[in-house]
Amino acid sequence: MIYELRIYHTLPGKMADLNARFVNHTLKLWENKFKIRTVGFWTPMIGDNNNDLYYILEWESLAEREEKWNAFVADPEWLAVRAETEKNGQLVSHITNLMLSPTAYSNMR
């Protein structure tokens, strides 16, 4: 398995809007239409920036990731949701993205 760590650095005051978009739209699209598997979502309790949303996706391979992610980001339904949820301004200033391979001693493999 490959794990993708994505960190969304939200703009001030936009975390609630980003969370609502995941709950009301994104997760449903991922689960029902694209079969994108989530591991979990986190926000910092203590740390550098409490305007960050961390989440991990699970992929069988880079090829699976490329196929499913490219289909998702080009999907007309997703593009409409994104436009509607950002009609009052963008939610995320930038994204940090890491593809992670588990070590031999990791509990997640």
PDB file of N, CA and C in Angstrom:
ATOM      1  N   MET A   1       0.823  -1.182   0.000  1.00  0.00           N
ATOM      2  CA  MET A   1       0.000   0.000   0.000  1.00  0.00           C
ATOM      3  C   MET A   1       0.871   1.250   0.000  1.00  0.00           C
ATOM      4  N   ILE A   2       0.303   2.290  -0.542  1.00  0.00           N
ATOM      5  CA  ILE A   2       0.923   3.612  -0.521  1.00  0.00           C
ATOM      6  C   ILE A   2      -0.047   4.539   0.188  1.00  0.00           C
ATOM      7  N   TYR A   3       0.477   5.414   1.005  1.00  0.00           N
ATOM      8  CA  TYR A   3      -0.347   6.364   1.732  1.00  0.00           C
ATOM      9  C   TYR A   3      -0.004   7.766   1.269  1.00  0.00           C
ATOM     10  N   GLU A   4      -1.039   8.544   1.040  1.00  0.00           N
ATOM     11  CA  GLU A   4      -0.863   9.923   0.607  1.00  0.00           C
ATOM     12  C   GLU A   4      -1.273  10.841   1.745  1.00  0.00           C
ATOM     13  N   LEU A   5      -0.323  11.603   2.230  1.00  0.00           N
ATOM     14  CA  LEU A   5      -0.600  12.600   3.264  1.00  0.00           C
ATOM     15  C   LEU A   5      -0.819  13.930   2.575  1.00  0.00           C
ATOM     16  N   ARG A   6      -1.993  14.504   2.779  1.00  0.00           N
ATOM     17  CA  ARG A   6      -2.318  15.806   2.203  1.00  0.00           C
ATOM     18  C   ARG A   6      -2.582  16.772   3.354  1.00  0.00           C
ATOM     19  N   ILE A   7      -1.996  17.940   3.262  1.00  0.00           N
ATOM     20  CA  ILE A   7      -2.198  18.979   4.275  1.00  0.00           C
ATOM     21  C   ILE A   7      -2.781  20.189   3.566  1.00  0.00           C
ATOM     22  N   TYR A   8      -3.975  20.550   3.957  1.00  0.00           N
ATOM     23  CA  TYR A   8      -4.627  21.731   3.390  1.00  0.00           C
ATOM     24  C   TYR A   8      -4.406  22.882   4.363  1.00  0.00           C
ATOM     25  N   HIS A   9      -3.730  23.893   3.898  1.00  0.00           N
ATOM     26  CA  HIS A   9      -3.452  25.085   4.694  1.00  0.00           C
ATOM     27  C   HIS A   9      -4.576  26.076   4.385  1.00  0.00           C
ATOM     28  N   THR A  10      -5.565  26.112   5.285  1.00  0.00           N
ATOM     29  CA  THR A  10      -6.748  26.922   5.018  1.00  0.00           C
ATOM     30  C   THR A  10      -6.486  28.392   5.304  1.00  0.00           C
ATOM     31  N   LEU A  11      -7.256  29.194   4.628  1.00  0.00           N
ATOM     32  CA  LEU A  11      -7.208  30.629   4.887  1.00  0.00           C
ATOM     33  C   LEU A  11      -7.919  30.908   6.206  1.00  0.00           C
ATOM     34  N   PRO A  12      -7.543  31.959   6.926  1.00  0.00           N
ATOM     35  CA  PRO A  12      -8.177  32.259   8.210  1.00  0.00           C
ATOM     36  C   PRO A  12      -9.702  32.349   8.076  1.00  0.00           C
ATOM     37  N   GLY A  13     -10.375  31.676   9.001  1.00  0.00           N
ATOM     38  CA  GLY A  13     -11.832  31.693   9.034  1.00  0.00           C
ATOM     39  C   GLY A  13     -12.512  30.747   8.056  1.00  0.00           C
ATOM     40  N   LYS A  14     -11.763  29.930   7.333  1.00  0.00           N
ATOM     41  CA  LYS A  14     -12.337  29.056   6.301  1.00  0.00           C
ATOM     42  C   LYS A  14     -12.363  27.571   6.668  1.00  0.00           C
ATOM     43  N   MET A  15     -11.856  27.206   7.857  1.00  0.00           N
ATOM     44  CA  MET A  15     -11.813  25.790   8.233  1.00  0.00           C
ATOM     45  C   MET A  15     -13.208  25.177   8.293  1.00  0.00           C
ATOM     46  N   ALA A  16     -14.165  25.869   8.861  1.00  0.00           N
ATOM     47  CA  ALA A  16     -15.528  25.323   8.944  1.00  0.00           C
ATOM     48  C   ALA A  16     -16.103  25.070   7.559  1.00  0.00           C
ATOM     49  N   ASP A  17     -15.840  25.965   6.619  1.00  0.00           N
ATOM     50  CA  ASP A  17     -16.323  25.784   5.244  1.00  0.00           C
ATOM     51  C   ASP A  17     -15.654  24.583   4.580  1.00  0.00           C
ATOM     52  N   LEU A  18     -14.352  24.419   4.815  1.00  0.00           N
ATOM     53  CA  LEU A  18     -13.641  23.280   4.235  1.00  0.00           C
ATOM     54  C   LEU A  18     -14.159  21.972   4.826  1.00  0.00           C
ATOM     55  N   ASN A  19     -14.339  21.925   6.136  1.00  0.00           N
ATOM     56  CA  ASN A  19     -14.877  20.723   6.772  1.00  0.00           C
ATOM     57  C   ASN A  19     -16.267  20.401   6.244  1.00  0.00           C
ATOM     58  N   ALA A  20     -17.099  21.410   6.075  1.00  0.00           N
ATOM     59  CA  ALA A  20     -18.453  21.197   5.555  1.00  0.00           C
ATOM     60  C   ALA A  20     -18.403  20.632   4.133  1.00  0.00           C
ATOM     61  N   ARG A  21     -17.473  21.118   3.320  1.00  0.00           N
ATOM     62  CA  ARG A  21     -17.366  20.607   1.955  1.00  0.00           C
ATOM     63  C   ARG A  21     -16.983  19.127   1.962  1.00  0.00           C
ATOM     64  N   PHE A  22     -16.051  18.751   2.836  1.00  0.00           N
ATOM     65  CA  PHE A  22     -15.694  17.329   2.925  1.00  0.00           C
ATOM     66  C   PHE A  22     -16.893  16.500   3.362  1.00  0.00           C
ATOM     67  N   VAL A  23     -17.559  16.914   4.433  1.00  0.00           N
ATOM     68  CA  VAL A  23     -18.666  16.136   4.995  1.00  0.00           C
ATOM     69  C   VAL A  23     -19.848  16.054   4.034  1.00  0.00           C
ATOM     70  N   ASN A  24     -20.194  17.167   3.423  1.00  0.00           N
ATOM     71  CA  ASN A  24     -21.411  17.233   2.616  1.00  0.00           C
ATOM     72  C   ASN A  24     -21.228  16.830   1.158  1.00  0.00           C
ATOM     73  N   HIS A  25     -19.995  16.839   0.664  1.00  0.00           N
ATOM     74  CA  HIS A  25     -19.799  16.599  -0.760  1.00  0.00           C
ATOM     75  C   HIS A  25     -18.634  15.658  -1.079  1.00  0.00           C
ATOM     76  N   THR A  26     -17.426  16.075  -0.706  1.00  0.00           N
ATOM     77  CA  THR A  26     -16.221  15.385  -1.161  1.00  0.00           C
ATOM     78  C   THR A  26     -16.202  13.913  -0.750  1.00  0.00           C
ATOM     79  N   LEU A  27     -16.453  13.636   0.512  1.00  0.00           N
ATOM     80  CA  LEU A  27     -16.393  12.245   0.970  1.00  0.00           C
ATOM     81  C   LEU A  27     -17.405  11.366   0.245  1.00  0.00           C
ATOM     82  N   LYS A  28     -18.582  11.889  -0.014  1.00  0.00           N
ATOM     83  CA  LYS A  28     -19.598  11.109  -0.734  1.00  0.00           C
ATOM     84  C   LYS A  28     -19.141  10.802  -2.156  1.00  0.00           C
ATOM     85  N   LEU A  29     -18.552  11.788  -2.819  1.00  0.00           N
ATOM     86  CA  LEU A  29     -18.024  11.538  -4.163  1.00  0.00           C
ATOM     87  C   LEU A  29     -16.916  10.500  -4.127  1.00  0.00           C
ATOM     88  N   TRP A  30     -15.987  10.664  -3.184  1.00  0.00           N
ATOM     89  CA  TRP A  30     -14.876   9.714  -3.089  1.00  0.00           C
ATOM     90  C   TRP A  30     -15.380   8.303  -2.854  1.00  0.00           C
ATOM     91  N   GLU A  31     -16.276   8.139  -1.890  1.00  0.00           N
ATOM     92  CA  GLU A  31     -16.733   6.799  -1.510  1.00  0.00           C
ATOM     93  C   GLU A  31     -17.622   6.163  -2.572  1.00  0.00           C
ATOM     94  N   ASN A  32     -18.575   6.921  -3.090  1.00  0.00           N
ATOM     95  CA  ASN A  32     -19.600   6.347  -3.957  1.00  0.00           C
ATOM     96  C   ASN A  32     -19.230   6.333  -5.437  1.00  0.00           C
ATOM     97  N   LYS A  33     -18.531   7.361  -5.893  1.00  0.00           N
ATOM     98  CA  LYS A  33     -18.277   7.481  -7.325  1.00  0.00           C
ATOM     99  C   LYS A  33     -16.874   7.038  -7.720  1.00  0.00           C
ATOM    100  N   PHE A  34     -15.888   7.357  -6.875  1.00  0.00           N
ATOM    101  CA  PHE A  34     -14.497   7.110  -7.267  1.00  0.00           C
ATOM    102  C   PHE A  34     -13.804   6.006  -6.465  1.00  0.00           C
ATOM    103  N   LYS A  35     -14.438   5.540  -5.409  1.00  0.00           N
ATOM    104  CA  LYS A  35     -13.866   4.482  -4.554  1.00  0.00           C
ATOM    105  C   LYS A  35     -12.489   4.876  -4.016  1.00  0.00           C
ATOM    106  N   ILE A  36     -12.361   6.143  -3.641  1.00  0.00           N
ATOM    107  CA  ILE A  36     -11.138   6.637  -3.004  1.00  0.00           C
ATOM    108  C   ILE A  36     -11.248   6.347  -1.516  1.00  0.00           C
ATOM    109  N   ARG A  37     -10.228   5.700  -0.969  1.00  0.00           N
ATOM    110  CA  ARG A  37     -10.242   5.241   0.428  1.00  0.00           C
ATOM    111  C   ARG A  37      -9.521   6.229   1.347  1.00  0.00           C
ATOM    112  N   THR A  38     -10.215   6.646   2.391  1.00  0.00           N
ATOM    113  CA  THR A  38      -9.610   7.541   3.376  1.00  0.00           C
ATOM    114  C   THR A  38      -9.155   6.731   4.587  1.00  0.00           C
ATOM    115  N   VAL A  39      -8.053   7.151   5.183  1.00  0.00           N
ATOM    116  CA  VAL A  39      -7.557   6.557   6.419  1.00  0.00           C
ATOM    117  C   VAL A  39      -8.034   7.384   7.597  1.00  0.00           C
ATOM    118  N   GLY A  40      -7.947   8.708   7.485  1.00  0.00           N
ATOM    119  CA  GLY A  40      -8.387   9.573   8.570  1.00  0.00           C
ATOM    120  C   GLY A  40      -8.123  11.033   8.265  1.00  0.00           C
ATOM    121  N   PHE A  41      -8.712  11.878   9.107  1.00  0.00           N
ATOM    122  CA  PHE A  41      -8.588  13.328   9.020  1.00  0.00           C
ATOM    123  C   PHE A  41      -8.237  13.869  10.397  1.00  0.00           C
ATOM    124  N   TRP A  42      -7.365  14.886  10.424  1.00  0.00           N
ATOM    125  CA  TRP A  42      -6.925  15.462  11.686  1.00  0.00           C
ATOM    126  C   TRP A  42      -6.762  16.970  11.569  1.00  0.00           C
ATOM    127  N   THR A  43      -6.938  17.640  12.686  1.00  0.00           N
ATOM    128  CA  THR A  43      -6.559  19.044  12.809  1.00  0.00           C
ATOM    129  C   THR A  43      -5.671  19.157  14.044  1.00  0.00           C
ATOM    130  N   PRO A  44      -4.689  20.036  14.022  1.00  0.00           N
ATOM    131  CA  PRO A  44      -3.776  20.162  15.158  1.00  0.00           C
ATOM    132  C   PRO A  44      -4.464  20.726  16.399  1.00  0.00           C
ATOM    133  N   MET A  45      -4.222  20.100  17.540  1.00  0.00           N
ATOM    134  CA  MET A  45      -4.651  20.653  18.828  1.00  0.00           C
ATOM    135  C   MET A  45      -3.583  21.613  19.337  1.00  0.00           C
ATOM    136  N   ILE A  46      -2.343  21.208  19.129  1.00  0.00           N
ATOM    137  CA  ILE A  46      -1.185  22.002  19.532  1.00  0.00           C
ATOM    138  C   ILE A  46      -0.202  21.933  18.383  1.00  0.00           C
ATOM    139  N   GLY A  47       0.381  23.040  18.025  1.00  0.00           N
ATOM    140  CA  GLY A  47       1.340  23.011  16.931  1.00  0.00           C
ATOM    141  C   GLY A  47       1.460  24.352  16.247  1.00  0.00           C
ATOM    142  N   ASP A  48       2.056  24.307  15.075  1.00  0.00           N
ATOM    143  CA  ASP A  48       2.351  25.538  14.354  1.00  0.00           C
ATOM    144  C   ASP A  48       1.122  26.265  13.846  1.00  0.00           C
ATOM    145  N   ASN A  49       0.131  25.534  13.354  1.00  0.00           N
ATOM    146  CA  ASN A  49      -0.970  26.202  12.680  1.00  0.00           C
ATOM    147  C   ASN A  49      -2.260  25.412  12.851  1.00  0.00           C
ATOM    148  N   ASN A  50      -3.225  25.979  13.568  1.00  0.00           N
ATOM    149  CA  ASN A  50      -4.495  25.275  13.739  1.00  0.00           C
ATOM    150  C   ASN A  50      -5.449  25.537  12.576  1.00  0.00           C
ATOM    151  N   ASN A  51      -4.960  26.164  11.505  1.00  0.00           N
ATOM    152  CA  ASN A  51      -5.749  26.334  10.280  1.00  0.00           C
ATOM    153  C   ASN A  51      -5.402  25.263   9.244  1.00  0.00           C
ATOM    154  N   ASP A  52      -4.756  24.194   9.673  1.00  0.00           N
ATOM    155  CA  ASP A  52      -4.376  23.122   8.759  1.00  0.00           C
ATOM    156  C   ASP A  52      -5.282  21.911   8.950  1.00  0.00           C
ATOM    157  N   LEU A  53      -5.618  21.271   7.850  1.00  0.00           N
ATOM    158  CA  LEU A  53      -6.343  20.015   7.867  1.00  0.00           C
ATOM    159  C   LEU A  53      -5.436  18.953   7.276  1.00  0.00           C
ATOM    160  N   TYR A  54      -5.170  17.905   8.046  1.00  0.00           N
ATOM    161  CA  TYR A  54      -4.335  16.787   7.607  1.00  0.00           C
ATOM    162  C   TYR A  54      -5.257  15.618   7.292  1.00  0.00           C
ATOM    163  N   TYR A  55      -4.970  14.934   6.177  1.00  0.00           N
ATOM    164  CA  TYR A  55      -5.689  13.690   5.940  1.00  0.00           C
ATOM    165  C   TYR A  55      -4.821  12.735   5.133  1.00  0.00           C
ATOM    166  N   ILE A  56      -5.169  11.452   5.255  1.00  0.00           N
ATOM    167  CA  ILE A  56      -4.416  10.399   4.592  1.00  0.00           C
ATOM    168  C   ILE A  56      -5.360   9.573   3.727  1.00  0.00           C
ATOM    169  N   LEU A  57      -4.924   9.335   2.492  1.00  0.00           N
ATOM    170  CA  LEU A  57      -5.615   8.456   1.567  1.00  0.00           C
ATOM    171  C   LEU A  57      -4.773   7.205   1.370  1.00  0.00           C
ATOM    172  N   GLU A  58      -5.439   6.096   1.087  1.00  0.00           N
ATOM    173  CA  GLU A  58      -4.761   4.812   0.909  1.00  0.00           C
ATOM    174  C   GLU A  58      -4.911   4.367  -0.547  1.00  0.00           C
ATOM    175  N   TRP A  59      -3.776   3.998  -1.142  1.00  0.00           N
ATOM    176  CA  TRP A  59      -3.757   3.557  -2.543  1.00  0.00           C
ATOM    177  C   TRP A  59      -3.046   2.211  -2.647  1.00  0.00           C
ATOM    178  N   GLU A  60      -3.482   1.388  -3.574  1.00  0.00           N
ATOM    179  CA  GLU A  60      -2.795   0.129  -3.845  1.00  0.00           C
ATOM    180  C   GLU A  60      -1.513   0.366  -4.622  1.00  0.00           C
ATOM    181  N   SER A  61      -1.488   1.426  -5.447  1.00  0.00           N
ATOM    182  CA  SER A  61      -0.331   1.726  -6.279  1.00  0.00           C
ATOM    183  C   SER A  61      -0.401   3.180  -6.738  1.00  0.00           C
ATOM    184  N   LEU A  62       0.697   3.663  -7.280  1.00  0.00           N
ATOM    185  CA  LEU A  62       0.692   5.007  -7.861  1.00  0.00           C
ATOM    186  C   LEU A  62      -0.220   5.068  -9.082  1.00  0.00           C
ATOM    187  N   ALA A  63      -0.317   3.966  -9.807  1.00  0.00           N
ATOM    188  CA  ALA A  63      -1.202   3.922 -10.972  1.00  0.00           C
ATOM    189  C   ALA A  63      -2.664   4.090 -10.548  1.00  0.00           C
ATOM    190  N   GLU A  64      -3.059   3.410  -9.467  1.00  0.00           N
ATOM    191  CA  GLU A  64      -4.429   3.572  -8.969  1.00  0.00           C
ATOM    192  C   GLU A  64      -4.666   5.011  -8.560  1.00  0.00           C
ATOM    193  N   ARG A  65      -3.704   5.598  -7.881  1.00  0.00           N
ATOM    194  CA  ARG A  65      -3.838   6.981  -7.434  1.00  0.00           C
ATOM    195  C   ARG A  65      -4.014   7.919  -8.631  1.00  0.00           C
ATOM    196  N   GLU A  66      -3.180   7.745  -9.638  1.00  0.00           N
ATOM    197  CA  GLU A  66      -3.242   8.611 -10.805  1.00  0.00           C
ATOM    198  C   GLU A  66      -4.592   8.492 -11.513  1.00  0.00           C
ATOM    199  N   GLU A  67      -5.048   7.271 -11.694  1.00  0.00           N
ATOM    200  CA  GLU A  67      -6.317   7.043 -12.384  1.00  0.00           C
ATOM    201  C   GLU A  67      -7.488   7.667 -11.624  1.00  0.00           C
ATOM    202  N   LYS A  68      -7.611   7.344 -10.346  1.00  0.00           N
ATOM    203  CA  LYS A  68      -8.762   7.802  -9.568  1.00  0.00           C
ATOM    204  C   LYS A  68      -8.693   9.299  -9.259  1.00  0.00           C
ATOM    205  N   TRP A  69      -7.526   9.805  -8.915  1.00  0.00           N
ATOM    206  CA  TRP A  69      -7.416  11.225  -8.563  1.00  0.00           C
ATOM    207  C   TRP A  69      -7.660  12.098  -9.792  1.00  0.00           C
ATOM    208  N   ASN A  70      -7.098  11.707 -10.924  1.00  0.00           N
ATOM    209  CA  ASN A  70      -7.306  12.484 -12.140  1.00  0.00           C
ATOM    210  C   ASN A  70      -8.779  12.503 -12.548  1.00  0.00           C
ATOM    211  N   ALA A  71      -9.458  11.379 -12.374  1.00  0.00           N
ATOM    212  CA  ALA A  71     -10.891  11.335 -12.670  1.00  0.00           C
ATOM    213  C   ALA A  71     -11.669  12.243 -11.722  1.00  0.00           C
ATOM    214  N   PHE A  72     -11.304  12.223 -10.454  1.00  0.00           N
ATOM    215  CA  PHE A  72     -11.978  13.068  -9.466  1.00  0.00           C
ATOM    216  C   PHE A  72     -11.809  14.546  -9.771  1.00  0.00           C
ATOM    217  N   VAL A  73     -10.571  15.009  -9.963  1.00  0.00           N
ATOM    218  CA  VAL A  73     -10.346  16.449 -10.133  1.00  0.00           C
ATOM    219  C   VAL A  73     -10.924  16.985 -11.445  1.00  0.00           C
ATOM    220  N   ALA A  74     -11.220  16.120 -12.393  1.00  0.00           N
ATOM    221  CA  ALA A  74     -11.816  16.549 -13.658  1.00  0.00           C
ATOM    222  C   ALA A  74     -13.334  16.350 -13.691  1.00  0.00           C
ATOM    223  N   ASP A  75     -13.888  15.770 -12.654  1.00  0.00           N
ATOM    224  CA  ASP A  75     -15.309  15.434 -12.616  1.00  0.00           C
ATOM    225  C   ASP A  75     -16.186  16.689 -12.593  1.00  0.00           C
ATOM    226  N   PRO A  76     -17.161  16.800 -13.493  1.00  0.00           N
ATOM    227  CA  PRO A  76     -18.030  17.978 -13.526  1.00  0.00           C
ATOM    228  C   PRO A  76     -18.791  18.219 -12.222  1.00  0.00           C
ATOM    229  N   GLU A  77     -19.218  17.147 -11.555  1.00  0.00           N
ATOM    230  CA  GLU A  77     -19.930  17.312 -10.281  1.00  0.00           C
ATOM    231  C   GLU A  77     -19.004  17.929  -9.231  1.00  0.00           C
ATOM    232  N   TRP A  78     -17.754  17.438  -9.141  1.00  0.00           N
ATOM    233  CA  TRP A  78     -16.792  18.001  -8.210  1.00  0.00           C
ATOM    234  C   TRP A  78     -16.484  19.454  -8.553  1.00  0.00           C
ATOM    235  N   LEU A  79     -16.291  19.748  -9.822  1.00  0.00           N
ATOM    236  CA  LEU A  79     -15.971  21.118 -10.235  1.00  0.00           C
ATOM    237  C   LEU A  79     -17.108  22.068  -9.872  1.00  0.00           C
ATOM    238  N   ALA A  80     -18.350  21.623  -9.992  1.00  0.00           N
ATOM    239  CA  ALA A  80     -19.496  22.451  -9.605  1.00  0.00           C
ATOM    240  C   ALA A  80     -19.535  22.667  -8.094  1.00  0.00           C
ATOM    241  N   VAL A  81     -19.274  21.603  -7.332  1.00  0.00           N
ATOM    242  CA  VAL A  81     -19.227  21.717  -5.861  1.00  0.00           C
ATOM    243  C   VAL A  81     -18.127  22.682  -5.443  1.00  0.00           C
ATOM    244  N   ARG A  82     -16.970  22.524  -6.030  1.00  0.00           N
ATOM    245  CA  ARG A  82     -15.850  23.399  -5.676  1.00  0.00           C
ATOM    246  C   ARG A  82     -16.183  24.862  -5.976  1.00  0.00           C
ATOM    247  N   ALA A  83     -16.748  25.113  -7.150  1.00  0.00           N
ATOM    248  CA  ALA A  83     -17.112  26.489  -7.518  1.00  0.00           C
ATOM    249  C   ALA A  83     -18.151  27.053  -6.546  1.00  0.00           C
ATOM    250  N   GLU A  84     -19.147  26.267  -6.216  1.00  0.00           N
ATOM    251  CA  GLU A  84     -20.196  26.740  -5.304  1.00  0.00           C
ATOM    252  C   GLU A  84     -19.647  27.005  -3.909  1.00  0.00           C
ATOM    253  N   THR A  85     -18.792  26.113  -3.405  1.00  0.00           N
ATOM    254  CA  THR A  85     -18.280  26.277  -2.041  1.00  0.00           C
ATOM    255  C   THR A  85     -17.200  27.348  -1.952  1.00  0.00           C
ATOM    256  N   GLU A  86     -16.702  27.807  -3.098  1.00  0.00           N
ATOM    257  CA  GLU A  86     -15.701  28.868  -3.099  1.00  0.00           C
ATOM    258  C   GLU A  86     -16.234  30.164  -3.717  1.00  0.00           C
ATOM    259  N   LYS A  87     -17.550  30.289  -3.798  1.00  0.00           N
ATOM    260  CA  LYS A  87     -18.132  31.495  -4.405  1.00  0.00           C
ATOM    261  C   LYS A  87     -17.811  32.751  -3.599  1.00  0.00           C
ATOM    262  N   ASN A  88     -17.528  32.606  -2.309  1.00  0.00           N
ATOM    263  CA  ASN A  88     -17.155  33.741  -1.462  1.00  0.00           C
ATOM    264  C   ASN A  88     -15.646  33.807  -1.232  1.00  0.00           C
ATOM    265  N   GLY A  89     -14.889  33.104  -2.048  1.00  0.00           N
ATOM    266  CA  GLY A  89     -13.439  33.093  -1.933  1.00  0.00           C
ATOM    267  C   GLY A  89     -12.905  31.696  -1.707  1.00  0.00           C
ATOM    268  N   GLN A  90     -11.656  31.499  -2.100  1.00  0.00           N
ATOM    269  CA  GLN A  90     -11.043  30.178  -1.945  1.00  0.00           C
ATOM    270  C   GLN A  90     -10.911  29.825  -0.473  1.00  0.00           C
ATOM    271  N   LEU A  91     -10.873  28.533  -0.197  1.00  0.00           N
ATOM    272  CA  LEU A  91     -10.805  28.029   1.177  1.00  0.00           C
ATOM    273  C   LEU A  91      -9.384  27.697   1.599  1.00  0.00           C
ATOM    274  N   VAL A  92      -8.561  27.284   0.644  1.00  0.00           N
ATOM    275  CA  VAL A  92      -7.225  26.771   0.935  1.00  0.00           C
ATOM    276  C   VAL A  92      -6.183  27.668   0.276  1.00  0.00           C
ATOM    277  N   SER A  93      -5.178  28.073   1.065  1.00  0.00           N
ATOM    278  CA  SER A  93      -4.122  28.910   0.487  1.00  0.00           C
ATOM    279  C   SER A  93      -3.151  28.070  -0.336  1.00  0.00           C
ATOM    280  N   HIS A  94      -2.817  26.865   0.173  1.00  0.00           N
ATOM    281  CA  HIS A  94      -1.957  25.946  -0.568  1.00  0.00           C
ATOM    282  C   HIS A  94      -2.051  24.563   0.049  1.00  0.00           C
ATOM    283  N   ILE A  95      -1.530  23.588  -0.689  1.00  0.00           N
ATOM    284  CA  ILE A  95      -1.604  22.183  -0.275  1.00  0.00           C
ATOM    285  C   ILE A  95      -0.196  21.612  -0.234  1.00  0.00           C
ATOM    286  N   THR A  96       0.089  20.870   0.842  1.00  0.00           N
ATOM    287  CA  THR A  96       1.313  20.079   0.925  1.00  0.00           C
ATOM    288  C   THR A  96       0.901  18.631   0.687  1.00  0.00           C
ATOM    289  N   ASN A  97       1.642  17.932  -0.163  1.00  0.00           N
ATOM    290  CA  ASN A  97       1.269  16.585  -0.557  1.00  0.00           C
ATOM    291  C   ASN A  97       2.487  15.674  -0.502  1.00  0.00           C
ATOM    292  N   LEU A  98       2.373  14.558   0.215  1.00  0.00           N
ATOM    293  CA  LEU A  98       3.457  13.586   0.330  1.00  0.00           C
ATOM    294  C   LEU A  98       2.924  12.196   0.025  1.00  0.00           C
ATOM    295  N   MET A  99       3.668  11.431  -0.771  1.00  0.00           N
ATOM    296  CA  MET A  99       3.354  10.030  -1.003  1.00  0.00           C
ATOM    297  C   MET A  99       4.279   9.221  -0.098  1.00  0.00           C
ATOM    298  N   LEU A 100       3.694   8.373   0.765  1.00  0.00           N
ATOM    299  CA  LEU A 100       4.454   7.675   1.790  1.00  0.00           C
ATOM    300  C   LEU A 100       4.404   6.162   1.566  1.00  0.00           C
ATOM    301  N   SER A 101       5.540   5.543   1.727  1.00  0.00           N
ATOM    302  CA  SER A 101       5.654   4.087   1.650  1.00  0.00           C
ATOM    303  C   SER A 101       5.961   3.570   3.061  1.00  0.00           C
ATOM    304  N   PRO A 102       5.169   2.639   3.577  1.00  0.00           N
ATOM    305  CA  PRO A 102       5.407   2.155   4.937  1.00  0.00           C
ATOM    306  C   PRO A 102       6.741   1.426   5.077  1.00  0.00           C
ATOM    307  N   THR A 103       7.350   1.561   6.222  1.00  0.00           N
ATOM    308  CA  THR A 103       8.556   0.802   6.527  1.00  0.00           C
ATOM    309  C   THR A 103       8.185  -0.637   6.856  1.00  0.00           C
ATOM    310  N   ALA A 104       9.157  -1.505   6.905  1.00  0.00           N
ATOM    311  CA  ALA A 104       8.932  -2.910   7.221  1.00  0.00           C
ATOM    312  C   ALA A 104       8.380  -3.096   8.625  1.00  0.00           C
ATOM    313  N   TYR A 105       8.605  -2.142   9.512  1.00  0.00           N
ATOM    314  CA  TYR A 105       8.166  -2.269  10.904  1.00  0.00           C
ATOM    315  C   TYR A 105       6.917  -1.419  11.203  1.00  0.00           C
ATOM    316  N   SER A 106       6.295  -0.883  10.184  1.00  0.00           N
ATOM    317  CA  SER A 106       5.104  -0.066  10.366  1.00  0.00           C
ATOM    318  C   SER A 106       3.878  -0.949  10.629  1.00  0.00           C
ATOM    319  N   ASN A 107       2.974  -0.480  11.476  1.00  0.00           N
ATOM    320  CA  ASN A 107       1.716  -1.175  11.704  1.00  0.00           C
ATOM    321  C   ASN A 107       0.816  -1.106  10.479  1.00  0.00           C
ATOM    322  N   MET A 108       0.968  -0.060   9.683  1.00  0.00           N
ATOM    323  CA  MET A 108       0.186   0.099   8.448  1.00  0.00           C
ATOM    324  C   MET A 108       1.064  -0.328   7.288  1.00  0.00           C
ATOM    325  N   ARG A 109       0.624  -1.312   6.523  1.00  0.00           N
ATOM    326  CA  ARG A 109       1.411  -1.789   5.377  1.00  0.00           C
ATOM    327  C   ARG A 109       0.591  -1.860   4.147  1.00  0.00           C
TER     328      ARG A 109
END
